[in-house]
Each structure stands twice: as structure tokens, then as C-alpha cells.
Amino acid sequence: MENEQQQMNIDLKSAEDVLCEKCENTSFVPSFLIKKLSALVSPTGHEMLVPIQLFRCSSCEHVNESFLE
């Protein structure tokens, strides 16, 4: 029972498209924001680079504000 996955049937026809805030394009590509974490706050005690995945517009490369929250 632990390994069972619950399947959900979702009708994407009723879902709202996300638009680029700048050009209103509907296609996005994955991109990464890289944060540098100081050794003082790093869980390893060493400076770390932390990748954060976000999406940028495939047309104008803009990143929506809501993707940065």
C-alpha cells in the first residue's frame, strides 16, 4: 500500500495557459538560477552553489515574476 500511486484524471482543457508577461508567448524552456551559499550558513560548512530551476520564455527569454517567488 505504501508504494501505490494515486492516479488523478485532470482535464487540461479547463486549465488556464500561462503567458509570458512581456510578449504573451505560451512556450517556456527550463533554465537555472544559481545561488552562492556562504560557508557560514551552508549545511556542509563549505561554500556551495545551489541551482534553482525556473522557466524562461522561449521567444524573448523573459522570466515571469511569479516564477521567481
N, C-alpha and C. Protein backbone atom coordinates (compact mmCIF):
# COMPACT_ATOMS: atom_id res chain seq x y z
N MET A 1 0.81 -1.19 0.00
CA MET A 1 0.00 0.00 0.00
C MET A 1 0.87 1.27 0.00
N GLU A 2 2.07 1.19 0.56
CA GLU A 2 2.96 2.34 0.60
C GLU A 2 3.40 2.77 -0.79
N ASN A 3 3.63 1.81 -1.68
CA ASN A 3 4.17 2.11 -2.99
C ASN A 3 3.10 2.40 -4.03
N GLU A 4 1.84 2.32 -3.65
CA GLU A 4 0.78 2.59 -4.60
C GLU A 4 0.73 4.08 -4.91
N GLN A 5 0.57 4.40 -6.19
CA GLN A 5 0.45 5.78 -6.60
C GLN A 5 -1.01 6.07 -6.93
N GLN A 6 -1.49 7.17 -6.46
CA GLN A 6 -2.85 7.57 -6.74
C GLN A 6 -2.87 8.27 -8.09
N GLN A 7 -3.71 7.80 -8.99
CA GLN A 7 -3.83 8.42 -10.31
C GLN A 7 -4.95 9.43 -10.28
N MET A 8 -4.69 10.58 -10.88
CA MET A 8 -5.70 11.61 -10.96
C MET A 8 -5.98 11.89 -12.43
N ASN A 9 -7.24 11.99 -12.78
CA ASN A 9 -7.63 12.35 -14.13
C ASN A 9 -7.94 13.85 -14.15
N ILE A 10 -7.11 14.58 -14.86
CA ILE A 10 -7.27 16.02 -14.92
C ILE A 10 -7.56 16.41 -16.36
N ASP A 11 -8.59 17.21 -16.56
CA ASP A 11 -8.93 17.70 -17.89
C ASP A 11 -8.19 19.01 -18.12
N LEU A 12 -7.11 18.97 -18.90
CA LEU A 12 -6.30 20.17 -19.12
C LEU A 12 -6.97 21.19 -20.03
N LYS A 13 -8.09 20.82 -20.64
CA LYS A 13 -8.82 21.78 -21.48
C LYS A 13 -9.35 22.93 -20.63
N SER A 14 -9.60 22.66 -19.37
CA SER A 14 -10.13 23.70 -18.49
C SER A 14 -9.03 24.48 -17.78
N ALA A 15 -7.77 24.10 -17.97
CA ALA A 15 -6.65 24.79 -17.32
C ALA A 15 -6.30 26.06 -18.10
N GLU A 16 -5.87 27.06 -17.37
CA GLU A 16 -5.51 28.35 -17.96
C GLU A 16 -4.06 28.32 -18.45
N ASP A 17 -3.81 28.83 -19.67
CA ASP A 17 -2.45 28.93 -20.18
C ASP A 17 -1.68 30.00 -19.43
N VAL A 18 -0.40 29.75 -19.18
CA VAL A 18 0.48 30.75 -18.59
C VAL A 18 1.13 31.50 -19.75
N LEU A 19 1.07 32.82 -19.69
CA LEU A 19 1.63 33.66 -20.75
C LEU A 19 2.87 34.38 -20.25
N CYS A 20 3.78 34.64 -21.17
CA CYS A 20 4.93 35.49 -20.86
C CYS A 20 4.40 36.89 -20.55
N GLU A 21 4.87 37.49 -19.46
CA GLU A 21 4.43 38.83 -19.07
C GLU A 21 4.88 39.89 -20.08
N LYS A 22 5.90 39.58 -20.84
CA LYS A 22 6.47 40.57 -21.75
C LYS A 22 5.90 40.46 -23.17
N CYS A 23 5.83 39.24 -23.71
CA CYS A 23 5.42 39.09 -25.11
C CYS A 23 4.18 38.22 -25.31
N GLU A 24 3.64 37.67 -24.23
CA GLU A 24 2.45 36.82 -24.23
C GLU A 24 2.62 35.48 -24.95
N ASN A 25 3.84 35.06 -25.13
CA ASN A 25 4.13 33.74 -25.67
C ASN A 25 3.68 32.68 -24.66
N THR A 26 3.35 31.48 -25.12
CA THR A 26 2.90 30.42 -24.21
C THR A 26 3.91 29.30 -24.03
N SER A 27 5.07 29.40 -24.65
CA SER A 27 6.09 28.36 -24.54
C SER A 27 7.25 28.83 -23.68
N PHE A 28 7.70 27.93 -22.81
CA PHE A 28 8.79 28.24 -21.90
C PHE A 28 9.83 27.13 -21.95
N VAL A 29 11.06 27.47 -21.63
CA VAL A 29 12.14 26.47 -21.57
C VAL A 29 12.75 26.50 -20.17
N PRO A 30 13.21 25.34 -19.68
CA PRO A 30 13.83 25.31 -18.36
C PRO A 30 15.16 26.07 -18.36
N SER A 31 15.41 26.72 -17.26
CA SER A 31 16.64 27.47 -17.07
C SER A 31 17.00 27.37 -15.59
N PHE A 32 18.19 27.79 -15.22
CA PHE A 32 18.61 27.70 -13.83
C PHE A 32 19.12 29.04 -13.32
N LEU A 33 18.74 29.36 -12.11
CA LEU A 33 19.28 30.47 -11.36
C LEU A 33 20.27 29.82 -10.39
N ILE A 34 21.47 30.36 -10.28
CA ILE A 34 22.48 29.78 -9.39
C ILE A 34 22.69 30.73 -8.21
N LYS A 35 22.51 30.20 -7.01
CA LYS A 35 22.74 30.97 -5.78
C LYS A 35 24.01 30.46 -5.11
N LYS A 36 24.80 31.40 -4.59
CA LYS A 36 26.01 31.03 -3.85
C LYS A 36 25.68 31.11 -2.37
N LEU A 37 25.89 30.01 -1.68
CA LEU A 37 25.59 29.91 -0.26
C LEU A 37 26.89 29.99 0.52
N SER A 38 26.96 30.93 1.45
CA SER A 38 28.15 31.14 2.27
C SER A 38 28.43 29.91 3.13
N ALA A 39 29.68 29.66 3.42
CA ALA A 39 30.07 28.55 4.29
C ALA A 39 29.47 28.70 5.69
N LEU A 40 29.18 29.93 6.09
CA LEU A 40 28.61 30.17 7.43
C LEU A 40 27.19 29.62 7.57
N VAL A 41 26.44 29.57 6.47
CA VAL A 41 25.05 29.09 6.54
C VAL A 41 24.85 27.78 5.78
N SER A 42 25.88 27.29 5.15
CA SER A 42 25.80 26.04 4.40
C SER A 42 25.70 24.84 5.34
N PRO A 43 24.89 23.85 5.01
CA PRO A 43 24.79 22.67 5.87
C PRO A 43 26.07 21.85 5.93
N THR A 44 26.94 22.02 4.93
CA THR A 44 28.20 21.26 4.92
C THR A 44 29.35 22.02 5.57
N GLY A 45 29.14 23.32 5.82
CA GLY A 45 30.23 24.14 6.36
C GLY A 45 31.16 24.65 5.28
N HIS A 46 30.85 24.36 4.02
CA HIS A 46 31.65 24.83 2.89
C HIS A 46 30.76 25.68 1.98
N GLU A 47 31.38 26.61 1.26
CA GLU A 47 30.62 27.40 0.29
C GLU A 47 29.98 26.47 -0.73
N MET A 48 28.75 26.76 -1.11
CA MET A 48 28.03 25.90 -2.06
C MET A 48 27.38 26.73 -3.16
N LEU A 49 27.25 26.13 -4.33
CA LEU A 49 26.44 26.69 -5.40
C LEU A 49 25.15 25.89 -5.43
N VAL A 50 24.02 26.60 -5.38
CA VAL A 50 22.72 25.94 -5.33
C VAL A 50 21.93 26.29 -6.59
N PRO A 51 21.64 25.30 -7.46
CA PRO A 51 20.86 25.57 -8.66
C PRO A 51 19.36 25.59 -8.34
N ILE A 52 18.66 26.57 -8.90
CA ILE A 52 17.22 26.67 -8.73
C ILE A 52 16.61 26.70 -10.13
N GLN A 53 15.79 25.69 -10.43
CA GLN A 53 15.20 25.62 -11.76
C GLN A 53 14.03 26.59 -11.87
N LEU A 54 13.96 27.28 -12.99
CA LEU A 54 12.84 28.15 -13.32
C LEU A 54 12.60 28.06 -14.82
N PHE A 55 11.64 28.81 -15.32
CA PHE A 55 11.31 28.76 -16.74
C PHE A 55 11.39 30.15 -17.35
N ARG A 56 12.01 30.23 -18.54
CA ARG A 56 12.09 31.50 -19.27
C ARG A 56 11.35 31.35 -20.59
N CYS A 57 10.86 32.45 -21.09
CA CYS A 57 10.11 32.46 -22.34
C CYS A 57 10.99 31.96 -23.49
N SER A 58 10.45 31.11 -24.32
CA SER A 58 11.22 30.57 -25.44
C SER A 58 11.37 31.58 -26.56
N SER A 59 10.59 32.66 -26.51
CA SER A 59 10.66 33.67 -27.57
C SER A 59 11.56 34.85 -27.18
N CYS A 60 11.27 35.49 -26.04
CA CYS A 60 12.01 36.70 -25.65
C CYS A 60 12.94 36.48 -24.46
N GLU A 61 12.94 35.28 -23.87
CA GLU A 61 13.79 34.89 -22.75
C GLU A 61 13.45 35.58 -21.42
N HIS A 62 12.31 36.23 -21.35
CA HIS A 62 11.87 36.87 -20.11
C HIS A 62 11.48 35.80 -19.09
N VAL A 63 11.72 36.09 -17.80
CA VAL A 63 11.30 35.22 -16.71
C VAL A 63 10.17 35.93 -15.96
N ASN A 64 8.99 35.32 -15.94
CA ASN A 64 7.85 35.90 -15.24
C ASN A 64 8.16 36.08 -13.75
N GLU A 65 7.67 37.16 -13.17
CA GLU A 65 7.88 37.43 -11.75
C GLU A 65 7.38 36.29 -10.88
N SER A 66 6.25 35.69 -11.26
CA SER A 66 5.69 34.60 -10.46
C SER A 66 6.60 33.36 -10.43
N PHE A 67 7.49 33.23 -11.40
CA PHE A 67 8.43 32.10 -11.43
C PHE A 67 9.60 32.32 -10.47
N LEU A 68 9.79 33.55 -10.03
CA LEU A 68 10.92 33.88 -9.15
C LEU A 68 10.55 33.84 -7.67
N GLU A 69 9.28 33.64 -7.35
CA GLU A 69 8.85 33.62 -5.96
C GLU A 69 9.26 32.36 -5.25
